[in-house]
N, C-alpha and C. Protein backbone atom coordinates (compact mmCIF):
# COMPACT_ATOMS: atom_id res chain seq x y z
N MET A 1 -40.10 -82.66 1.37
CA MET A 1 -39.92 -83.20 2.66
C MET A 1 -38.35 -83.38 2.84
N VAL A 2 -37.90 -83.27 4.06
CA VAL A 2 -36.56 -83.48 4.45
C VAL A 2 -36.54 -84.34 5.60
N THR A 3 -35.63 -85.30 5.67
CA THR A 3 -35.54 -86.21 6.84
C THR A 3 -34.15 -86.08 7.43
N PHE A 4 -34.17 -85.73 8.74
CA PHE A 4 -32.88 -85.75 9.50
C PHE A 4 -32.80 -87.14 10.17
N HIS A 5 -31.69 -87.77 10.16
CA HIS A 5 -31.47 -89.00 10.85
C HIS A 5 -30.72 -88.80 12.09
N SER A 6 -31.18 -89.19 13.25
CA SER A 6 -30.47 -88.99 14.54
C SER A 6 -30.39 -90.32 15.25
N ASN A 7 -29.65 -90.24 16.36
CA ASN A 7 -29.45 -91.45 17.18
C ASN A 7 -30.77 -91.73 17.98
N LEU A 8 -31.66 -90.84 18.00
CA LEU A 8 -32.92 -90.99 18.73
C LEU A 8 -34.13 -91.24 17.75
N GLY A 9 -33.79 -91.31 16.42
CA GLY A 9 -34.82 -91.53 15.49
C GLY A 9 -34.83 -90.46 14.39
N ASP A 10 -35.71 -90.63 13.44
CA ASP A 10 -35.74 -89.68 12.34
C ASP A 10 -36.64 -88.49 12.63
N ILE A 11 -36.31 -87.40 12.04
CA ILE A 11 -37.07 -86.11 12.11
C ILE A 11 -37.50 -85.79 10.65
N VAL A 12 -38.75 -85.74 10.42
CA VAL A 12 -39.24 -85.43 9.01
C VAL A 12 -39.74 -83.95 9.07
N ILE A 13 -39.23 -83.22 8.09
CA ILE A 13 -39.62 -81.75 8.03
C ILE A 13 -40.30 -81.54 6.66
N LYS A 14 -41.49 -80.94 6.74
CA LYS A 14 -42.22 -80.57 5.55
C LYS A 14 -41.89 -79.19 5.19
N THR A 15 -41.47 -79.02 3.87
CA THR A 15 -41.17 -77.67 3.39
C THR A 15 -42.34 -77.09 2.54
N PHE A 16 -42.42 -75.84 2.48
CA PHE A 16 -43.50 -75.19 1.82
C PHE A 16 -42.94 -74.47 0.57
N ASP A 17 -42.59 -75.18 -0.46
CA ASP A 17 -41.90 -74.65 -1.62
C ASP A 17 -42.69 -73.61 -2.32
N GLU A 18 -44.02 -73.81 -2.42
CA GLU A 18 -44.84 -72.84 -3.22
C GLU A 18 -44.95 -71.53 -2.47
N LYS A 19 -44.96 -71.55 -1.12
CA LYS A 19 -45.16 -70.28 -0.29
C LYS A 19 -43.90 -69.57 -0.06
N SER A 20 -42.79 -70.32 0.07
CA SER A 20 -41.51 -69.62 0.36
C SER A 20 -40.33 -70.26 -0.36
N PRO A 21 -40.35 -70.18 -1.70
CA PRO A 21 -39.33 -70.96 -2.51
C PRO A 21 -37.92 -70.54 -2.23
N ILE A 22 -37.68 -69.27 -1.95
CA ILE A 22 -36.28 -68.81 -1.70
C ILE A 22 -35.80 -69.41 -0.37
N THR A 23 -36.63 -69.39 0.65
CA THR A 23 -36.22 -69.94 1.97
C THR A 23 -36.01 -71.41 1.95
N VAL A 24 -36.90 -72.12 1.23
CA VAL A 24 -36.74 -73.55 1.12
C VAL A 24 -35.44 -73.86 0.34
N LYS A 25 -35.24 -73.21 -0.75
CA LYS A 25 -34.01 -73.42 -1.50
C LYS A 25 -32.78 -73.16 -0.68
N ASN A 26 -32.73 -72.13 0.18
CA ASN A 26 -31.63 -71.82 1.03
C ASN A 26 -31.46 -72.93 2.05
N PHE A 27 -32.54 -73.37 2.64
CA PHE A 27 -32.54 -74.48 3.63
C PHE A 27 -31.98 -75.78 3.03
N LEU A 28 -32.46 -76.07 1.82
CA LEU A 28 -31.99 -77.38 1.20
C LEU A 28 -30.54 -77.26 0.82
N ASN A 29 -30.07 -76.04 0.48
CA ASN A 29 -28.58 -75.94 0.17
C ASN A 29 -27.77 -76.17 1.46
N TYR A 30 -28.28 -75.63 2.61
CA TYR A 30 -27.56 -75.89 3.85
C TYR A 30 -27.60 -77.38 4.18
N CYS A 31 -28.72 -78.07 3.92
CA CYS A 31 -28.77 -79.55 4.11
C CYS A 31 -27.72 -80.25 3.25
N ARG A 32 -27.67 -79.99 1.98
CA ARG A 32 -26.80 -80.60 1.04
C ARG A 32 -25.33 -80.32 1.38
N ASP A 33 -25.08 -79.17 1.94
CA ASP A 33 -23.64 -78.83 2.27
C ASP A 33 -23.26 -79.45 3.64
N GLY A 34 -24.12 -80.11 4.28
CA GLY A 34 -23.76 -80.80 5.54
C GLY A 34 -23.78 -79.85 6.74
N PHE A 35 -24.38 -78.68 6.61
CA PHE A 35 -24.39 -77.67 7.65
C PHE A 35 -25.01 -78.23 8.97
N TYR A 36 -26.00 -79.07 8.85
CA TYR A 36 -26.64 -79.64 10.11
C TYR A 36 -26.01 -80.89 10.55
N ASP A 37 -24.93 -81.43 9.92
CA ASP A 37 -24.32 -82.67 10.43
C ASP A 37 -23.78 -82.44 11.86
N ASN A 38 -24.06 -83.46 12.69
CA ASN A 38 -23.58 -83.41 14.05
C ASN A 38 -24.13 -82.23 14.87
N THR A 39 -25.23 -81.67 14.44
CA THR A 39 -25.85 -80.55 15.16
C THR A 39 -26.66 -81.14 16.36
N ILE A 40 -26.61 -80.54 17.48
CA ILE A 40 -27.40 -80.93 18.71
C ILE A 40 -28.63 -80.06 18.74
N PHE A 41 -29.80 -80.72 18.70
CA PHE A 41 -31.05 -79.98 18.85
C PHE A 41 -31.41 -80.05 20.31
N TYR A 42 -31.42 -78.86 20.97
CA TYR A 42 -31.60 -78.82 22.34
C TYR A 42 -33.05 -78.60 22.81
N ARG A 43 -33.85 -78.22 21.83
CA ARG A 43 -35.31 -77.99 22.17
C ARG A 43 -36.16 -78.54 21.09
N VAL A 44 -36.98 -79.56 21.38
CA VAL A 44 -37.84 -80.14 20.38
C VAL A 44 -39.20 -80.27 21.00
N ILE A 45 -40.26 -79.72 20.28
CA ILE A 45 -41.65 -79.86 20.70
C ILE A 45 -42.34 -80.57 19.60
N ASN A 46 -42.72 -81.84 19.92
CA ASN A 46 -43.31 -82.74 18.87
C ASN A 46 -44.43 -82.11 18.13
N GLY A 47 -44.39 -82.13 16.80
CA GLY A 47 -45.39 -81.57 15.91
C GLY A 47 -45.40 -80.04 15.79
N PHE A 48 -44.40 -79.45 16.47
CA PHE A 48 -44.40 -77.98 16.45
C PHE A 48 -43.01 -77.32 15.97
N MET A 49 -41.98 -77.64 16.70
CA MET A 49 -40.67 -76.96 16.41
C MET A 49 -39.49 -77.79 16.79
N ILE A 50 -38.40 -77.43 16.15
CA ILE A 50 -37.05 -77.95 16.51
C ILE A 50 -36.14 -76.79 16.76
């Protein structure tokens, strides 16, 4: 699980490490490197997508 903290609340993202380990590892590396810091999410559908 990954949690993004925003000024409108937290966004919790479930990762599927067993099904796509390379993609999850890549995503987590982006998170650790701060790639998503100060990113504006312009489309959010609750329970579906960011």
